[in-house]
């Protein structure tokens, strides 16, 4: 076991900052213990690793404990994971410059959640795979597939973490998953082929900046603006990567800021004053915005498995 104590130098919402990396309550790579500590696993450049993150609120410090060959790397990158490199101050300066042009709700949420940060994992392929699994399906369907595939193909997490935790498989493993196991996981051919075709490029993704990774990913079949944005938000901590094409976000932004539904073009127009921090504003609206009333039945989860 290795340990690192990090003093952020200001308030950080650790749980809120790490929550976007969680893929449902049963995520084998992300669990929160009864004492509030967060456990997560990763396939690092040095191999599999497990990280436990806790807070000593009275001392204003974050404590990281790590296990496995990748543990040292996870401790070295702990500040970045928790938004240590996030330019949150630049966002607040932008809000000051906007003055009366800023929306009152955005201003209030920025004030209320001043400890929220956009962190980065620096593991692009690890963020890309679940984003592909979430393409055009309901959340519970994507989360079920993620759990099944990690449980089946991920290796047990190093260390004494919560039972059942797994480490993201190597890119080569994703290339060799047989069609029947994609089927058992509930993943149809298009999403499976997208992941398989992207796996050989994993090394290029990891070495790229957010802008370069956007171009690389979108040059591959099956990866568009939405998937790239969802990946870069998590892997690069890109505060401006907007999930254009999302089923829910345009309505959230439109209803929160104007009281009316809108589409992608309308959403981008409403977010335009916050360019450079548009994803951050969406995160804030997810925390305290309003959604339009539901209309009609919800999209049903599909099931490609045979019994």
C-alpha atoms as a PDB file:
ATOM      1  CA  UNK A   1       0.000   0.000   0.000  1.00  0.00           C
ATOM      2  CA  UNK A   2       1.126   3.551  -0.760  1.00  0.00           C
ATOM      3  CA  UNK A   3      -0.317   6.743   0.695  1.00  0.00           C
ATOM      4  CA  UNK A   4      -0.350  10.390  -0.275  1.00  0.00           C
ATOM      5  CA  UNK A   5      -1.811  13.400   1.493  1.00  0.00           C
ATOM      6  CA  UNK A   6      -2.828  16.294  -0.720  1.00  0.00           C
ATOM      7  CA  UNK A   7      -3.829  19.751   0.473  1.00  0.00           C
ATOM      8  CA  UNK A   8      -5.960  21.337  -2.287  1.00  0.00           C
ATOM      9  CA  UNK A   9      -5.529  24.880  -1.049  1.00  0.00           C
ATOM     10  CA  UNK A  10      -9.275  25.452  -1.184  1.00  0.00           C
ATOM     11  CA  UNK A  11     -12.591  23.644  -0.939  1.00  0.00           C
ATOM     12  CA  UNK A  12     -13.086  20.642  -3.211  1.00  0.00           C
ATOM     13  CA  UNK A  13     -16.257  18.566  -3.472  1.00  0.00           C
ATOM     14  CA  UNK A  14     -14.459  15.219  -3.722  1.00  0.00           C
ATOM     15  CA  UNK A  15     -17.555  13.048  -4.163  1.00  0.00           C
ATOM     16  CA  UNK A  16     -19.142  15.454  -6.646  1.00  0.00           C
ATOM     17  CA  UNK A  17     -15.949  15.780  -8.655  1.00  0.00           C
ATOM     18  CA  UNK A  18     -15.499  11.998  -8.892  1.00  0.00           C
ATOM     19  CA  UNK A  19     -19.161  11.145  -9.518  1.00  0.00           C
ATOM     20  CA  UNK A  20     -19.079  11.603 -13.333  1.00  0.00           C
ATOM     21  CA  UNK A  21     -16.681   8.645 -13.489  1.00  0.00           C
ATOM     22  CA  UNK A  22     -19.234   6.338 -11.882  1.00  0.00           C
ATOM     23  CA  UNK A  23     -21.278   4.197 -14.263  1.00  0.00           C
ATOM     24  CA  UNK A  24     -24.251   3.310 -12.098  1.00  0.00           C
ATOM     25  CA  UNK A  25     -24.638   2.022  -8.561  1.00  0.00           C
ATOM     26  CA  UNK A  26     -23.065  -1.342  -9.360  1.00  0.00           C
ATOM     27  CA  UNK A  27     -20.041  -0.044 -11.259  1.00  0.00           C
ATOM     28  CA  UNK A  28     -17.223  -2.591 -10.712  1.00  0.00           C
ATOM     29  CA  UNK A  29     -14.642   0.185 -11.159  1.00  0.00           C
ATOM     30  CA  UNK A  30     -16.169   2.776  -8.763  1.00  0.00           C
ATOM     31  CA  UNK A  31     -17.643   2.229  -5.314  1.00  0.00           C
ATOM     32  CA  UNK A  32     -18.361   4.401  -2.287  1.00  0.00           C
ATOM     33  CA  UNK A  33     -17.848   2.791   1.104  1.00  0.00           C
ATOM     34  CA  UNK A  34     -20.075   3.253   4.149  1.00  0.00           C
ATOM     35  CA  UNK A  35     -17.503   5.633   5.662  1.00  0.00           C
ATOM     36  CA  UNK A  36     -17.721   7.901   2.612  1.00  0.00           C
ATOM     37  CA  UNK A  37     -14.408   6.859   1.083  1.00  0.00           C
ATOM     38  CA  UNK A  38     -14.433   6.378  -2.675  1.00  0.00           C
ATOM     39  CA  UNK A  39     -12.719   3.441  -4.304  1.00  0.00           C
ATOM     40  CA  UNK A  40     -11.894   3.391  -8.003  1.00  0.00           C
ATOM     41  CA  UNK A  41      -9.755   1.264 -10.264  1.00  0.00           C
ATOM     42  CA  UNK A  42      -7.833   2.087 -13.428  1.00  0.00           C
ATOM     43  CA  UNK A  43      -5.660   0.536 -16.099  1.00  0.00           C
ATOM     44  CA  UNK A  44      -2.660   2.859 -15.731  1.00  0.00           C
ATOM     45  CA  UNK A  45       0.493   3.059 -17.878  1.00  0.00           C
ATOM     46  CA  UNK A  46       2.141   0.929 -15.166  1.00  0.00           C
ATOM     47  CA  UNK A  47      -0.614  -1.668 -14.947  1.00  0.00           C
ATOM     48  CA  UNK A  48      -3.728  -2.215 -12.830  1.00  0.00           C
ATOM     49  CA  UNK A  49      -4.272  -0.064  -9.786  1.00  0.00           C
ATOM     50  CA  UNK A  50      -6.804   0.630  -7.055  1.00  0.00           C
ATOM     51  CA  UNK A  51      -7.232   3.994  -5.348  1.00  0.00           C
ATOM     52  CA  UNK A  52      -9.045   4.840  -2.130  1.00  0.00           C
ATOM     53  CA  UNK A  53      -9.855   8.528  -1.650  1.00  0.00           C
ATOM     54  CA  UNK A  54     -10.994   9.989   1.656  1.00  0.00           C
ATOM     55  CA  UNK A  55     -11.166  13.458   3.205  1.00  0.00           C
ATOM     56  CA  UNK A  56      -9.971  14.810   6.536  1.00  0.00           C
ATOM     57  CA  UNK A  57     -12.317  17.764   6.581  1.00  0.00           C
ATOM     58  CA  UNK A  58     -10.954  19.232   9.790  1.00  0.00           C
ATOM     59  CA  UNK A  59      -7.457  19.362   8.330  1.00  0.00           C
ATOM     60  CA  UNK A  60      -8.486  20.374   4.826  1.00  0.00           C
ATOM     61  CA  UNK A  61      -6.635  17.472   3.223  1.00  0.00           C
ATOM     62  CA  UNK A  62      -7.408  14.601   0.886  1.00  0.00           C
ATOM     63  CA  UNK A  63      -5.849  11.221   1.583  1.00  0.00           C
ATOM     64  CA  UNK A  64      -5.157   8.763  -1.203  1.00  0.00           C
ATOM     65  CA  UNK A  65      -4.181   5.157  -0.633  1.00  0.00           C
ATOM     66  CA  UNK A  66      -3.281   2.954  -3.569  1.00  0.00           C
ATOM     67  CA  UNK A  67      -2.616  -0.677  -4.363  1.00  0.00           C
ATOM     68  CA  UNK A  68      -1.174  -2.654  -7.244  1.00  0.00           C
ATOM     69  CA  UNK A  69       1.429  -1.936  -9.935  1.00  0.00           C
ATOM     70  CA  UNK A  70      -0.453   1.179 -11.036  1.00  0.00           C
ATOM     71  CA  UNK A  71      -0.875   2.517  -7.523  1.00  0.00           C
ATOM     72  CA  UNK A  72       2.033   4.941  -7.648  1.00  0.00           C
ATOM     73  CA  UNK A  73       0.736   6.462 -10.882  1.00  0.00           C
ATOM     74  CA  UNK A  74      -2.727   6.876  -9.363  1.00  0.00           C
ATOM     75  CA  UNK A  75      -1.281   8.777  -6.410  1.00  0.00           C
ATOM     76  CA  UNK A  76       0.835  10.982  -8.673  1.00  0.00           C
ATOM     77  CA  UNK A  77      -2.246  11.947 -10.675  1.00  0.00           C
ATOM     78  CA  UNK A  78      -4.583  12.288  -7.678  1.00  0.00           C
ATOM     79  CA  UNK A  79      -4.628  16.122  -7.767  1.00  0.00           C
ATOM     80  CA  UNK A  80      -5.549  16.131 -11.469  1.00  0.00           C
ATOM     81  CA  UNK A  81      -8.268  13.538 -10.827  1.00  0.00           C
ATOM     82  CA  UNK A  82      -9.778  15.896  -8.256  1.00  0.00           C
ATOM     83  CA  UNK A  83      -9.523  18.982 -10.446  1.00  0.00           C
ATOM     84  CA  UNK A  84      -6.175  20.278  -9.263  1.00  0.00           C
ATOM     85  CA  UNK A  85      -5.503  21.485 -12.810  1.00  0.00           C
ATOM     86  CA  UNK A  86      -9.018  22.809 -13.359  1.00  0.00           C
ATOM     87  CA  UNK A  87      -9.242  26.500 -14.227  1.00  0.00           C
ATOM     88  CA  UNK A  88     -12.246  27.119 -12.010  1.00  0.00           C
ATOM     89  CA  UNK A  89     -10.929  30.590 -11.152  1.00  0.00           C
ATOM     90  CA  UNK A  90     -11.076  31.519 -14.838  1.00  0.00           C
ATOM     91  CA  UNK A  91     -14.752  30.583 -14.858  1.00  0.00           C
ATOM     92  CA  UNK A  92     -15.516  32.876 -11.939  1.00  0.00           C
ATOM     93  CA  UNK A  93     -13.580  35.657 -13.656  1.00  0.00           C
ATOM     94  CA  UNK A  94     -15.704  35.085 -16.759  1.00  0.00           C
ATOM     95  CA  UNK A  95     -18.842  35.348 -14.649  1.00  0.00           C
ATOM     96  CA  UNK A  96     -17.616  38.682 -13.277  1.00  0.00           C
ATOM     97  CA  UNK A  97     -16.902  39.995 -16.787  1.00  0.00           C
ATOM     98  CA  UNK A  98     -20.337  38.965 -18.031  1.00  0.00           C
ATOM     99  CA  UNK A  99     -22.023  40.992 -15.329  1.00  0.00           C
ATOM    100  CA  UNK A 100     -25.687  41.518 -16.193  1.00  0.00           C
ATOM    101  CA  UNK A 101     -25.326  39.230 -19.243  1.00  0.00           C
ATOM    102  CA  UNK A 102     -24.904  36.162 -17.033  1.00  0.00           C
ATOM    103  CA  UNK A 103     -28.003  34.183 -16.186  1.00  0.00           C
ATOM    104  CA  UNK A 104     -29.013  34.572 -12.515  1.00  0.00           C
ATOM    105  CA  UNK A 105     -29.398  30.806 -12.072  1.00  0.00           C
ATOM    106  CA  UNK A 106     -25.931  30.074 -13.471  1.00  0.00           C
ATOM    107  CA  UNK A 107     -24.462  32.742 -11.198  1.00  0.00           C
ATOM    108  CA  UNK A 108     -26.280  31.339  -8.151  1.00  0.00           C
ATOM    109  CA  UNK A 109     -25.234  27.740  -8.895  1.00  0.00           C
ATOM    110  CA  UNK A 110     -21.626  28.821  -9.453  1.00  0.00           C
ATOM    111  CA  UNK A 111     -21.685  30.524  -6.063  1.00  0.00           C
ATOM    112  CA  UNK A 112     -23.421  27.618  -4.325  1.00  0.00           C
ATOM    113  CA  UNK A 113     -21.163  24.946  -5.829  1.00  0.00           C
ATOM    114  CA  UNK A 114     -17.887  26.812  -5.810  1.00  0.00           C
ATOM    115  CA  UNK A 115     -16.110  23.672  -4.606  1.00  0.00           C
ATOM    116  CA  UNK A 116     -17.064  21.635  -7.690  1.00  0.00           C
ATOM    117  CA  UNK A 117     -14.151  20.840  -9.998  1.00  0.00           C
ATOM    118  CA  UNK A 118     -13.780  19.193 -13.407  1.00  0.00           C
ATOM    119  CA  UNK A 119     -11.151  16.509 -12.892  1.00  0.00           C
ATOM    120  CA  UNK A 120      -9.396  14.316 -15.409  1.00  0.00           C
ATOM    121  CA  UNK A 121      -8.436  10.643 -15.381  1.00  0.00           C
ATOM    122  CA  UNK A 122      -5.900  10.874 -18.248  1.00  0.00           C
ATOM    123  CA  UNK A 123      -7.200   7.480 -19.459  1.00  0.00           C
ATOM    124  CA  UNK A 124      -8.964   8.112 -22.760  1.00  0.00           C
ATOM    125  CA  UNK A 125      -9.841   4.612 -23.928  1.00  0.00           C
ATOM    126  CA  UNK A 126     -11.112   3.814 -20.442  1.00  0.00           C
ATOM    127  CA  UNK A 127     -13.576   6.712 -20.779  1.00  0.00           C
ATOM    128  CA  UNK A 128     -14.373   5.992 -24.430  1.00  0.00           C
ATOM    129  CA  UNK A 129     -15.654   2.435 -23.977  1.00  0.00           C
ATOM    130  CA  UNK A 130     -18.506   3.265 -21.556  1.00  0.00           C
ATOM    131  CA  UNK A 131     -19.373   6.322 -23.657  1.00  0.00           C
ATOM    132  CA  UNK A 132     -19.822   4.059 -26.691  1.00  0.00           C
ATOM    133  CA  UNK A 133     -21.910   1.665 -24.609  1.00  0.00           C
ATOM    134  CA  UNK A 134     -24.172   4.607 -23.725  1.00  0.00           C
ATOM    135  CA  UNK A 135     -24.829   5.576 -27.350  1.00  0.00           C
ATOM    136  CA  UNK A 136     -28.567   5.846 -28.104  1.00  0.00           C
ATOM    137  CA  UNK A 137     -29.682   3.582 -25.261  1.00  0.00           C
ATOM    138  CA  UNK A 138     -31.233   4.178 -21.857  1.00  0.00           C
ATOM    139  CA  UNK A 139     -28.843   4.429 -18.950  1.00  0.00           C
ATOM    140  CA  UNK A 140     -29.719   1.165 -17.264  1.00  0.00           C
ATOM    141  CA  UNK A 141     -29.033  -0.745 -20.476  1.00  0.00           C
ATOM    142  CA  UNK A 142     -25.556   0.788 -20.808  1.00  0.00           C
ATOM    143  CA  UNK A 143     -24.778   0.273 -17.120  1.00  0.00           C
ATOM    144  CA  UNK A 144     -25.805  -3.371 -17.338  1.00  0.00           C
ATOM    145  CA  UNK A 145     -23.463  -3.902 -20.292  1.00  0.00           C
ATOM    146  CA  UNK A 146     -20.586  -2.146 -18.504  1.00  0.00           C
ATOM    147  CA  UNK A 147     -21.041  -4.278 -15.381  1.00  0.00           C
ATOM    148  CA  UNK A 148     -21.267  -7.499 -17.359  1.00  0.00           C
ATOM    149  CA  UNK A 149     -18.196  -6.854 -19.500  1.00  0.00           C
ATOM    150  CA  UNK A 150     -15.989  -5.683 -16.627  1.00  0.00           C
ATOM    151  CA  UNK A 151     -17.064  -8.574 -14.434  1.00  0.00           C
ATOM    152  CA  UNK A 152     -16.386 -11.046 -17.233  1.00  0.00           C
ATOM    153  CA  UNK A 153     -13.172  -9.601 -18.688  1.00  0.00           C
ATOM    154  CA  UNK A 154     -11.733  -7.258 -16.080  1.00  0.00           C
ATOM    155  CA  UNK A 155      -9.180  -8.620 -13.630  1.00  0.00           C
ATOM    156  CA  UNK A 156      -9.780  -8.485  -9.867  1.00  0.00           C
ATOM    157  CA  UNK A 157      -8.806  -5.148  -8.363  1.00  0.00           C
ATOM    158  CA  UNK A 158      -5.551  -5.086  -6.365  1.00  0.00           C
ATOM    159  CA  UNK A 159      -5.817  -4.420  -2.659  1.00  0.00           C
ATOM    160  CA  UNK A 160      -8.496  -4.777  -0.004  1.00  0.00           C
ATOM    161  CA  UNK A 161     -11.242  -2.806  -1.755  1.00  0.00           C
ATOM    162  CA  UNK A 162     -14.955  -3.610  -1.890  1.00  0.00           C
ATOM    163  CA  UNK A 163     -15.824  -7.064  -3.086  1.00  0.00           C
ATOM    164  CA  UNK A 164     -16.348  -7.512  -6.812  1.00  0.00           C
ATOM    165  CA  UNK A 165     -14.289  -4.571  -8.032  1.00  0.00           C
ATOM    166  CA  UNK A 166     -12.591  -5.062 -11.385  1.00  0.00           C
ATOM    167  CA  UNK A 167      -9.925  -3.299 -13.453  1.00  0.00           C
ATOM    168  CA  UNK A 168     -10.615  -2.120 -16.990  1.00  0.00           C
ATOM    169  CA  UNK A 169      -9.253  -4.702 -19.468  1.00  0.00           C
ATOM    170  CA  UNK A 170      -6.318  -4.054 -21.799  1.00  0.00           C
ATOM    171  CA  UNK A 171      -7.227  -2.730 -25.281  1.00  0.00           C
ATOM    172  CA  UNK A 172      -6.253  -6.069 -26.817  1.00  0.00           C
ATOM    173  CA  UNK A 173      -8.805  -7.841 -24.635  1.00  0.00           C
ATOM    174  CA  UNK A 174     -11.608  -5.667 -26.005  1.00  0.00           C
ATOM    175  CA  UNK A 175     -10.565  -6.654 -29.535  1.00  0.00           C
ATOM    176  CA  UNK A 176     -10.898 -10.356 -28.762  1.00  0.00           C
ATOM    177  CA  UNK A 177     -14.307 -10.407 -27.037  1.00  0.00           C
ATOM    178  CA  UNK A 178     -16.392 -12.853 -29.087  1.00  0.00           C
ATOM    179  CA  UNK A 179     -19.679 -11.807 -30.662  1.00  0.00           C
ATOM    180  CA  UNK A 180     -21.721 -14.033 -28.347  1.00  0.00           C
ATOM    181  CA  UNK A 181     -20.388 -12.277 -25.268  1.00  0.00           C
ATOM    182  CA  UNK A 182     -21.207  -8.860 -26.690  1.00  0.00           C
ATOM    183  CA  UNK A 183     -24.653 -10.326 -27.255  1.00  0.00           C
ATOM    184  CA  UNK A 184     -24.868 -11.617 -23.678  1.00  0.00           C
ATOM    185  CA  UNK A 185     -23.867  -8.188 -22.413  1.00  0.00           C
ATOM    186  CA  UNK A 186     -26.717  -6.655 -24.413  1.00  0.00           C
ATOM    187  CA  UNK A 187     -24.476  -4.809 -26.893  1.00  0.00           C
ATOM    188  CA  UNK A 188     -25.503  -4.942 -30.551  1.00  0.00           C
ATOM    189  CA  UNK A 189     -23.037  -5.146 -33.422  1.00  0.00           C
ATOM    190  CA  UNK A 190     -22.637  -1.432 -34.147  1.00  0.00           C
ATOM    191  CA  UNK A 191     -21.452  -0.478 -30.657  1.00  0.00           C
ATOM    192  CA  UNK A 192     -19.317  -3.626 -30.373  1.00  0.00           C
ATOM    193  CA  UNK A 193     -17.567  -2.899 -33.683  1.00  0.00           C
ATOM    194  CA  UNK A 194     -16.976   0.714 -32.642  1.00  0.00           C
ATOM    195  CA  UNK A 195     -15.115  -0.404 -29.523  1.00  0.00           C
ATOM    196  CA  UNK A 196     -13.203  -3.145 -31.351  1.00  0.00           C
ATOM    197  CA  UNK A 197     -12.131  -0.728 -34.113  1.00  0.00           C
ATOM    198  CA  UNK A 198     -11.046   1.919 -31.589  1.00  0.00           C
ATOM    199  CA  UNK A 199      -8.951  -0.426 -29.440  1.00  0.00           C
ATOM    200  CA  UNK A 200      -5.837  -0.458 -31.708  1.00  0.00           C
ATOM    201  CA  UNK A 201      -5.704   3.350 -31.462  1.00  0.00           C
ATOM    202  CA  UNK A 202      -5.752   3.485 -27.653  1.00  0.00           C
ATOM    203  CA  UNK A 203      -2.084   4.478 -27.425  1.00  0.00           C
ATOM    204  CA  UNK A 204      -2.610   7.441 -29.765  1.00  0.00           C
ATOM    205  CA  UNK A 205      -5.600   8.582 -27.722  1.00  0.00           C
ATOM    206  CA  UNK A 206      -3.630   8.618 -24.482  1.00  0.00           C
ATOM    207  CA  UNK A 207      -0.833  10.767 -25.953  1.00  0.00           C
ATOM    208  CA  UNK A 208      -3.170  13.362 -27.486  1.00  0.00           C
ATOM    209  CA  UNK A 209      -4.485  16.667 -26.195  1.00  0.00           C
ATOM    210  CA  UNK A 210      -8.240  17.079 -25.890  1.00  0.00           C
ATOM    211  CA  UNK A 211      -8.447  18.749 -29.313  1.00  0.00           C
ATOM    212  CA  UNK A 212      -6.239  16.108 -30.935  1.00  0.00           C
ATOM    213  CA  UNK A 213      -8.175  13.279 -29.284  1.00  0.00           C
ATOM    214  CA  UNK A 214     -11.405  14.797 -30.592  1.00  0.00           C
ATOM    215  CA  UNK A 215     -10.112  14.642 -34.159  1.00  0.00           C
ATOM    216  CA  UNK A 216      -8.648  11.155 -33.741  1.00  0.00           C
ATOM    217  CA  UNK A 217     -11.774   9.656 -32.208  1.00  0.00           C
ATOM    218  CA  UNK A 218     -14.173  11.277 -34.671  1.00  0.00           C
ATOM    219  CA  UNK A 219     -12.125   9.976 -37.591  1.00  0.00           C
ATOM    220  CA  UNK A 220     -13.185   6.453 -36.587  1.00  0.00           C
ATOM    221  CA  UNK A 221     -16.544   4.921 -37.558  1.00  0.00           C
ATOM    222  CA  UNK A 222     -19.190   5.056 -34.853  1.00  0.00           C
ATOM    223  CA  UNK A 223     -17.665   7.933 -32.869  1.00  0.00           C
ATOM    224  CA  UNK A 224     -19.297  11.318 -33.205  1.00  0.00           C
ATOM    225  CA  UNK A 225     -19.498  14.633 -31.390  1.00  0.00           C
ATOM    226  CA  UNK A 226     -21.448  13.292 -28.401  1.00  0.00           C
ATOM    227  CA  UNK A 227     -19.178  10.305 -27.732  1.00  0.00           C
ATOM    228  CA  UNK A 228     -16.036  12.401 -28.099  1.00  0.00           C
ATOM    229  CA  UNK A 229     -17.351  15.047 -25.705  1.00  0.00           C
ATOM    230  CA  UNK A 230     -18.418  12.520 -23.076  1.00  0.00           C
ATOM    231  CA  UNK A 231     -14.957  10.952 -23.273  1.00  0.00           C
ATOM    232  CA  UNK A 232     -12.967  14.189 -23.115  1.00  0.00           C
ATOM    233  CA  UNK A 233     -15.014  15.543 -20.228  1.00  0.00           C
ATOM    234  CA  UNK A 234     -13.736  12.684 -18.100  1.00  0.00           C
ATOM    235  CA  UNK A 235     -10.325  11.834 -19.547  1.00  0.00           C
ATOM    236  CA  UNK A 236      -9.101  15.387 -20.187  1.00  0.00           C
ATOM    237  CA  UNK A 237     -11.260  17.305 -17.757  1.00  0.00           C
ATOM    238  CA  UNK A 238     -12.350  19.497 -20.670  1.00  0.00           C
ATOM    239  CA  UNK A 239     -14.695  22.127 -19.170  1.00  0.00           C
ATOM    240  CA  UNK A 240     -15.963  23.184 -22.608  1.00  0.00           C
ATOM    241  CA  UNK A 241     -16.791  19.785 -24.181  1.00  0.00           C
ATOM    242  CA  UNK A 242     -20.535  19.960 -24.809  1.00  0.00           C
ATOM    243  CA  UNK A 243     -22.486  16.720 -25.264  1.00  0.00           C
ATOM    244  CA  UNK A 244     -24.232  17.759 -28.485  1.00  0.00           C
ATOM    245  CA  UNK A 245     -26.749  15.100 -29.467  1.00  0.00           C
ATOM    246  CA  UNK A 246     -27.714  14.160 -25.919  1.00  0.00           C
ATOM    247  CA  UNK A 247     -31.283  13.038 -25.323  1.00  0.00           C
ATOM    248  CA  UNK A 248     -31.754  15.081 -22.120  1.00  0.00           C
ATOM    249  CA  UNK A 249     -29.247  17.934 -21.895  1.00  0.00           C
ATOM    250  CA  UNK A 250     -30.792  20.403 -24.403  1.00  0.00           C
ATOM    251  CA  UNK A 251     -34.103  20.214 -22.559  1.00  0.00           C
ATOM    252  CA  UNK A 252     -32.347  20.679 -19.210  1.00  0.00           C
ATOM    253  CA  UNK A 253     -30.477  23.749 -20.442  1.00  0.00           C
ATOM    254  CA  UNK A 254     -33.491  25.220 -22.212  1.00  0.00           C
ATOM    255  CA  UNK A 255     -35.950  24.677 -19.386  1.00  0.00           C
ATOM    256  CA  UNK A 256     -33.516  25.892 -16.709  1.00  0.00           C
ATOM    257  CA  UNK A 257     -32.533  29.099 -18.520  1.00  0.00           C
ATOM    258  CA  UNK A 258     -35.682  30.006 -20.457  1.00  0.00           C
ATOM    259  CA  UNK A 259     -38.529  27.847 -19.154  1.00  0.00           C
ATOM    260  CA  UNK A 260     -38.927  26.194 -22.557  1.00  0.00           C
ATOM    261  CA  UNK A 261     -37.603  23.123 -24.310  1.00  0.00           C
ATOM    262  CA  UNK A 262     -34.901  23.585 -26.909  1.00  0.00           C
ATOM    263  CA  UNK A 263     -32.766  21.602 -29.332  1.00  0.00           C
ATOM    264  CA  UNK A 264     -28.990  21.339 -29.780  1.00  0.00           C
ATOM    265  CA  UNK A 265     -28.755  24.617 -31.698  1.00  0.00           C
ATOM    266  CA  UNK A 266     -30.792  26.416 -29.058  1.00  0.00           C
ATOM    267  CA  UNK A 267     -28.692  24.889 -26.291  1.00  0.00           C
ATOM    268  CA  UNK A 268     -25.447  26.039 -27.914  1.00  0.00           C
ATOM    269  CA  UNK A 269     -26.891  29.523 -28.258  1.00  0.00           C
ATOM    270  CA  UNK A 270     -27.784  29.671 -24.575  1.00  0.00           C
ATOM    271  CA  UNK A 271     -24.352  28.378 -23.571  1.00  0.00           C
ATOM    272  CA  UNK A 272     -22.434  30.658 -25.942  1.00  0.00           C
ATOM    273  CA  UNK A 273     -21.683  33.367 -23.321  1.00  0.00           C
ATOM    274  CA  UNK A 274     -19.890  30.719 -21.254  1.00  0.00           C
ATOM    275  CA  UNK A 275     -17.615  29.455 -24.054  1.00  0.00           C
ATOM    276  CA  UNK A 276     -14.599  27.780 -22.543  1.00  0.00           C
ATOM    277  CA  UNK A 277     -16.746  26.498 -19.670  1.00  0.00           C
ATOM    278  CA  UNK A 278     -19.921  25.229 -21.334  1.00  0.00           C
ATOM    279  CA  UNK A 279     -19.621  21.706 -19.923  1.00  0.00           C
ATOM    280  CA  UNK A 280     -19.066  23.190 -16.484  1.00  0.00           C
ATOM    281  CA  UNK A 281     -22.311  25.151 -16.797  1.00  0.00           C
ATOM    282  CA  UNK A 282     -24.159  21.964 -17.802  1.00  0.00           C
ATOM    283  CA  UNK A 283     -22.733  20.244 -14.713  1.00  0.00           C
ATOM    284  CA  UNK A 284     -24.035  23.072 -12.559  1.00  0.00           C
ATOM    285  CA  UNK A 285     -27.468  22.867 -14.163  1.00  0.00           C
ATOM    286  CA  UNK A 286     -27.518  19.121 -13.532  1.00  0.00           C
ATOM    287  CA  UNK A 287     -27.029  19.941  -9.857  1.00  0.00           C
ATOM    288  CA  UNK A 288     -29.582  22.712  -9.522  1.00  0.00           C
ATOM    289  CA  UNK A 289     -31.431  23.311 -12.772  1.00  0.00           C
ATOM    290  CA  UNK A 290     -34.955  22.233 -13.678  1.00  0.00           C
ATOM    291  CA  UNK A 291     -36.122  19.654 -16.184  1.00  0.00           C
ATOM    292  CA  UNK A 292     -39.272  19.884 -18.284  1.00  0.00           C
ATOM    293  CA  UNK A 293     -42.236  17.743 -17.247  1.00  0.00           C
ATOM    294  CA  UNK A 294     -42.152  14.237 -18.675  1.00  0.00           C
ATOM    295  CA  UNK A 295     -44.330  13.594 -21.690  1.00  0.00           C
ATOM    296  CA  UNK A 296     -45.396  10.138 -22.725  1.00  0.00           C
ATOM    297  CA  UNK A 297     -43.764   6.835 -21.791  1.00  0.00           C
ATOM    298  CA  UNK A 298     -40.060   6.605 -21.112  1.00  0.00           C
ATOM    299  CA  UNK A 299     -37.766   4.910 -23.590  1.00  0.00           C
ATOM    300  CA  UNK A 300     -37.710   1.208 -22.787  1.00  0.00           C
ATOM    301  CA  UNK A 301     -34.473  -0.674 -22.315  1.00  0.00           C
ATOM    302  CA  UNK A 302     -33.705  -2.995 -25.171  1.00  0.00           C
ATOM    303  CA  UNK A 303     -32.417  -6.507 -24.565  1.00  0.00           C
ATOM    304  CA  UNK A 304     -30.423  -8.280 -27.256  1.00  0.00           C
ATOM    305  CA  UNK A 305     -29.758 -11.341 -25.151  1.00  0.00           C
ATOM    306  CA  UNK A 306     -31.414 -14.667 -25.791  1.00  0.00           C
ATOM    307  CA  UNK A 307     -32.524 -16.836 -22.914  1.00  0.00           C
END
